[in-house]
C-alpha cells in the first residue's frame, strides 16, 4: 500500500501529461537513471568506496582482533570454569561481561561512524550525478528524468550516458 501511495502522484502526473500531450505540437521525452548502477559503476563512487575502506580498515581489523580475543577468552573460561573457585569464576565472568560490553560499544560506534561517512561520500556522488543528469537532460531536451520506476523501457535508460560523463569529467569539476 505504501508503494502505491508513493507512486500514485507520479501516475497522476504522467496521466495528465498523456492527456495534455495531443494538444502540444512537441513530443514528450522521458528518461530514466538507475542510481544503484551509478553508485556501483561510476569511478567517483568506486573512489569513494576505496577511500572509506582505507579510512576504516584499521578500526575494522582492531574490532576483528578484539572479537577473536574475546571469543578465545570465553572458550578458555568455559573449559576452566568447572575447576575454578567460585570467587575466581565470578571475577572472570565479570571481566568477560565487561570486555563484551566494551566490544559491543566499539562495534556500534564503528558502524555509526562508517554509516555517517558512507552517507557523506554517497551524497557527494549523488549530487554530482544529479548535476550531470541535468546537463544530459538539457542537452538532449528531455522533459523529465526519473530515478525510480516500476518498469522502464531500456530505450529510455540514460544511465550509461551519465556514468560515462561522470567518468570523463574531473571529480571536483562543476562545483
Protein backbone atom coordinates (compact mmCIF):
# COMPACT_ATOMS: atom_id res chain seq x y z
CA UNK A 1 0.00 0.00 0.00
CA UNK A 2 2.84 2.38 0.88
CA UNK A 3 4.44 1.81 -2.52
CA UNK A 4 1.13 2.56 -4.27
CA UNK A 5 0.66 5.80 -2.34
CA UNK A 6 4.20 6.93 -3.19
CA UNK A 7 3.75 6.19 -6.87
CA UNK A 8 0.19 7.44 -7.19
CA UNK A 9 1.15 11.15 -7.64
CA UNK A 10 3.63 10.10 -10.35
CA UNK A 11 0.90 8.11 -12.10
CA UNK A 12 -1.47 11.10 -11.93
CA UNK A 13 1.26 13.39 -13.29
CA UNK A 14 2.09 11.04 -16.16
CA UNK A 15 -1.62 10.55 -16.92
CA UNK A 16 -2.18 14.30 -17.03
CA UNK A 17 0.81 14.71 -19.32
CA UNK A 18 -0.52 11.98 -21.62
CA UNK A 19 -3.88 13.75 -21.87
CA UNK A 20 -2.23 17.12 -22.50
CA UNK A 21 0.30 15.70 -24.98
CA UNK A 22 -2.00 15.67 -28.03
CA UNK A 23 -2.65 19.38 -27.53
CA UNK A 24 1.05 20.10 -27.81
CA UNK A 25 2.96 20.02 -31.07
CA UNK A 26 6.10 18.74 -29.35
CA UNK A 27 6.70 15.16 -28.28
CA UNK A 28 7.15 14.42 -24.59
CA UNK A 29 10.59 12.95 -23.90
CA UNK A 30 11.24 10.97 -20.71
CA UNK A 31 14.39 9.29 -19.46
CA UNK A 32 15.48 7.11 -16.57
CA UNK A 33 18.65 6.90 -14.46
CA UNK A 34 19.45 3.86 -12.32
CA UNK A 35 21.18 5.42 -9.30
CA UNK A 36 22.16 1.99 -7.91
CA UNK A 37 24.21 1.39 -11.07
CA UNK A 38 25.73 4.85 -10.81
CA UNK A 39 26.81 4.05 -7.22
CA UNK A 40 28.30 0.71 -8.36
CA UNK A 41 29.91 1.69 -11.66
CA UNK A 42 30.93 5.36 -11.67
CA UNK A 43 34.62 5.90 -10.98
CA UNK A 44 33.87 8.58 -8.36
CA UNK A 45 31.63 6.12 -6.49
CA UNK A 46 34.35 3.46 -6.64
CA UNK A 47 36.90 6.01 -5.40
CA UNK A 48 34.60 6.95 -2.51
CA UNK A 49 34.25 3.27 -1.58
CA UNK A 50 38.03 2.77 -1.69
CA UNK A 51 38.51 5.90 0.45
CA UNK A 52 36.08 4.54 3.05
CA UNK A 53 37.76 1.14 3.08
CA UNK A 54 41.15 2.76 3.62
CA UNK A 55 39.78 5.09 6.29
CA UNK A 56 38.04 2.35 8.28
CA UNK A 57 40.20 -0.74 7.65
CA UNK A 58 42.42 -0.23 10.72
CA UNK A 59 39.46 0.10 13.08
CA UNK A 60 37.75 -2.88 11.46
CA UNK A 61 40.87 -5.01 11.94
CA UNK A 62 41.10 -3.92 15.59
CA UNK A 63 37.47 -4.94 16.10
CA UNK A 64 38.01 -8.33 14.47
CA UNK A 65 41.08 -8.88 16.65
CA UNK A 66 39.23 -7.81 19.79
CA UNK A 67 36.33 -10.13 18.91
CA UNK A 68 38.70 -13.06 18.39
CA UNK A 69 40.45 -12.37 21.68
CA UNK A 70 37.12 -12.19 23.49
CA UNK A 71 35.95 -15.42 21.90
CA UNK A 72 39.17 -17.23 22.89
CA UNK A 73 38.93 -15.90 26.46
CA UNK A 74 35.30 -17.02 26.67
CA UNK A 75 36.14 -20.52 25.39
CA UNK A 76 39.04 -20.78 27.84
CA UNK A 77 36.77 -19.67 30.68
CA UNK A 78 34.15 -22.28 29.74
CA UNK A 79 36.81 -25.02 29.77
CA UNK A 80 38.36 -23.93 33.07
CA UNK A 81 35.21 -22.79 34.93
CA UNK A 82 34.36 -26.20 36.45
CA UNK A 83 37.75 -26.38 38.22
CA UNK A 84 37.82 -22.75 39.44
CA UNK A 85 36.95 -21.48 42.86
CA UNK A 86 33.57 -19.72 43.00
CA UNK A 87 35.08 -16.26 43.65
CA UNK A 88 37.61 -16.68 40.83
CA UNK A 89 34.87 -17.87 38.44
CA UNK A 90 32.62 -14.89 39.32
CA UNK A 91 35.52 -12.46 38.87
CA UNK A 92 36.49 -13.85 35.44
CA UNK A 93 32.85 -13.89 34.38
CA UNK A 94 32.50 -10.18 35.30
CA UNK A 95 35.69 -9.42 33.33
CA UNK A 96 34.31 -11.21 30.27
CA UNK A 97 30.98 -9.39 30.55
CA UNK A 98 32.82 -6.04 30.78
CA UNK A 99 35.02 -6.94 27.81
CA UNK A 100 31.96 -7.97 25.79
CA UNK A 101 30.15 -4.74 26.67
CA UNK A 102 33.22 -2.73 25.59
CA UNK A 103 33.45 -4.74 22.36
CA UNK A 104 29.74 -4.22 21.56
CA UNK A 105 30.07 -0.46 22.24
CA UNK A 106 33.10 -0.15 19.96
CA UNK A 107 31.36 -2.17 17.24
CA UNK A 108 28.27 0.05 17.46
CA UNK A 109 30.39 3.22 17.29
CA UNK A 110 32.27 1.81 14.31
CA UNK A 111 29.03 1.05 12.46
CA UNK A 112 27.64 4.52 13.23
CA UNK A 113 30.83 6.26 12.10
CA UNK A 114 31.05 4.14 8.95
CA UNK A 115 27.40 4.78 8.13
CA UNK A 116 27.75 8.53 8.61
CA UNK A 117 30.87 8.71 6.43
CA UNK A 118 29.29 6.50 3.78
CA UNK A 119 26.28 8.82 3.65
CA UNK A 120 28.60 11.83 3.27
CA UNK A 121 30.54 10.24 0.42
CA UNK A 122 27.47 8.90 -1.39
CA UNK A 123 25.66 12.22 -1.09
CA UNK A 124 28.60 13.90 -2.86
CA UNK A 125 28.48 11.26 -5.62
CA UNK A 126 24.69 11.68 -5.91
CA UNK A 127 24.96 15.46 -6.03
CA UNK A 128 27.50 15.22 -8.84
CA UNK A 129 25.39 12.60 -10.66
CA UNK A 130 22.34 14.85 -10.43
CA UNK A 131 24.27 17.77 -11.95
CA UNK A 132 25.33 15.54 -14.84
CA UNK A 133 21.78 14.16 -15.26
CA UNK A 134 20.57 17.75 -15.53
CA UNK A 135 23.25 18.53 -18.14
CA UNK A 136 22.30 15.46 -20.20
CA UNK A 137 18.60 16.30 -19.88
CA UNK A 138 19.13 19.86 -21.06
CA UNK A 139 21.49 18.89 -23.88
CA UNK A 140 19.18 16.18 -25.20
CA UNK A 141 15.94 18.07 -24.46
CA UNK A 142 14.34 15.64 -22.00
CA UNK A 143 11.14 16.79 -20.32
CA UNK A 144 11.59 14.54 -17.28
CA UNK A 145 14.22 12.17 -15.89
CA UNK A 146 13.06 9.58 -13.36
CA UNK A 147 15.27 7.87 -10.79
CA UNK A 148 12.74 5.29 -9.60
CA UNK A 149 10.22 3.40 -11.67
CA UNK A 150 8.38 0.09 -11.53
CA UNK A 151 9.15 -0.52 -15.20
CA UNK A 152 11.18 1.37 -17.76
CA UNK A 153 11.74 0.58 -21.40
CA UNK A 154 15.53 0.22 -21.86
CA UNK A 155 15.47 2.75 -24.72
CA UNK A 156 14.72 5.46 -22.11
CA UNK A 157 17.59 4.46 -19.79
CA UNK A 158 20.31 7.12 -19.84
CA UNK A 159 22.36 5.56 -17.01
CA UNK A 160 25.27 4.65 -19.32
CA UNK A 161 25.47 8.25 -20.59
CA UNK A 162 25.53 9.57 -17.04
CA UNK A 163 28.23 7.11 -15.91
CA UNK A 164 30.37 7.91 -18.96
CA UNK A 165 30.00 11.64 -18.34
CA UNK A 166 30.86 11.22 -14.66
CA UNK A 167 33.94 9.16 -15.52
CA UNK A 168 35.05 11.67 -18.16
CA UNK A 169 34.66 14.80 -16.04
CA UNK A 170 37.05 15.57 -13.16
CA UNK A 171 35.51 14.64 -9.79
CA UNK A 172 35.60 18.17 -8.42
CA UNK A 173 34.65 19.87 -11.67
CA UNK A 174 31.48 21.95 -11.75
CA UNK A 175 31.43 22.74 -8.03
